[in-house]
Amino acid sequence: MFMTKQQMVTARTLGVALVTAVSLASCATYKEEFAGINSRLDQLDTRVQGAAQSAESANQSAQQANQRLDQIEGRVQRLEQAPRRTPRG
């Protein structure tokens, strides 16, 4: 019933090999999960960069529109302050 020294060494070696195999198999699973997560993060990063560029473009367009409105506002104020003309005829 008692194990010999040789059987103990064999059992211990088999146990270490089994634990190592299970550990390596789980590492492969984690690598696949990390690869999937990294892929999703890359996609999100691309979307965020695109949104940031769109926002910057919209901001520039809004600034240009505001400048045009400021120019027109000056003209409108001059026209409103100008004396009224009497119609001809």
Protein backbone atom coordinates (compact mmCIF):
# COMPACT_ATOMS: atom_id res chain seq x y z
CA MET A 1 0.00 0.00 0.00
CA PHE A 2 2.85 2.38 0.65
CA MET A 3 4.40 4.08 -2.35
CA THR A 4 8.05 3.57 -3.00
CA LYS A 5 10.45 6.44 -3.40
CA GLN A 6 10.49 5.95 -7.18
CA GLN A 7 6.68 6.03 -7.37
CA MET A 8 6.62 9.24 -5.25
CA VAL A 9 9.04 10.95 -7.65
CA THR A 10 7.00 9.81 -10.64
CA ALA A 11 3.75 10.99 -9.06
CA ARG A 12 5.28 14.36 -8.16
CA THR A 13 6.69 14.83 -11.68
CA LEU A 14 3.32 13.91 -13.20
CA GLY A 15 1.57 16.39 -10.87
CA VAL A 16 3.95 19.22 -11.83
CA ALA A 17 3.51 18.41 -15.52
CA LEU A 18 -0.27 18.42 -15.13
CA VAL A 19 -0.31 21.79 -13.32
CA THR A 20 2.04 23.27 -15.94
CA ALA A 21 -0.14 22.04 -18.81
CA VAL A 22 -3.29 23.50 -17.26
CA SER A 23 -1.53 26.82 -16.60
CA LEU A 24 -0.26 27.10 -20.16
CA ALA A 25 -3.68 26.26 -21.58
CA SER A 26 -5.31 29.02 -19.55
CA CYS A 27 -2.63 31.51 -20.67
CA ALA A 28 -3.54 30.82 -24.29
CA THR A 29 -7.17 31.57 -23.52
CA TYR A 30 -6.22 34.88 -21.90
CA LYS A 31 -4.05 35.80 -24.89
CA GLU A 32 -7.05 35.37 -27.19
CA GLU A 33 -9.25 37.44 -24.87
CA PHE A 34 -6.64 40.20 -24.66
CA ALA A 35 -6.30 40.19 -28.45
CA GLY A 36 -10.07 40.63 -28.78
CA ILE A 37 -10.10 43.43 -26.22
CA ASN A 38 -7.18 45.18 -27.92
CA SER A 39 -8.96 44.92 -31.26
CA ARG A 40 -12.08 46.55 -29.81
CA LEU A 41 -9.98 49.27 -28.18
CA ASP A 42 -8.32 50.00 -31.53
CA GLN A 43 -11.72 50.30 -33.19
CA LEU A 44 -12.93 52.67 -30.48
CA ASP A 45 -9.77 54.74 -30.80
CA THR A 46 -10.35 55.06 -34.54
CA ARG A 47 -13.95 56.18 -33.95
CA VAL A 48 -12.90 58.70 -31.32
CA GLN A 49 -10.26 60.18 -33.61
CA GLY A 50 -12.81 60.47 -36.42
CA ALA A 51 -15.29 62.16 -34.09
CA ALA A 52 -12.61 64.57 -32.87
CA GLN A 53 -11.74 65.51 -36.46
CA SER A 54 -15.40 66.06 -37.28
CA ALA A 55 -15.84 68.20 -34.20
CA GLU A 56 -12.79 70.29 -35.09
CA SER A 57 -14.08 70.77 -38.63
CA ALA A 58 -17.50 71.82 -37.33
CA ASN A 59 -15.85 74.24 -34.90
CA GLN A 60 -13.87 75.88 -37.70
CA SER A 61 -17.01 76.20 -39.83
CA ALA A 62 -18.87 77.78 -36.93
CA GLN A 63 -16.06 80.27 -36.35
CA GLN A 64 -16.12 81.27 -40.03
CA ALA A 65 -19.89 81.68 -39.91
CA ASN A 66 -19.57 83.86 -36.81
CA GLN A 67 -17.01 86.07 -38.54
CA ARG A 68 -19.32 86.51 -41.51
CA LEU A 69 -22.20 87.40 -39.21
CA ASP A 70 -20.04 89.97 -37.43
CA GLN A 71 -19.20 91.57 -40.80
CA ILE A 72 -22.85 91.65 -41.84
CA GLU A 73 -23.92 93.03 -38.47
CA GLY A 74 -21.70 96.09 -38.98
CA ARG A 75 -23.25 96.74 -42.38
CA VAL A 76 -26.79 96.35 -41.02
CA GLN A 77 -26.11 98.80 -38.19
CA ARG A 78 -24.74 101.38 -40.64
CA LEU A 79 -27.82 100.99 -42.83
CA GLU A 80 -30.14 101.35 -39.84
CA GLN A 81 -28.36 104.50 -38.67
CA ALA A 82 -28.27 106.10 -42.11
CA PRO A 83 -30.91 108.77 -42.73
CA ARG A 84 -34.00 107.56 -44.53
CA ARG A 85 -34.28 108.50 -48.13
CA THR A 86 -37.42 109.88 -49.53
CA PRO A 87 -38.82 107.93 -52.42
CA ARG A 88 -38.59 109.49 -55.85
CA GLY A 89 -41.43 110.02 -58.01
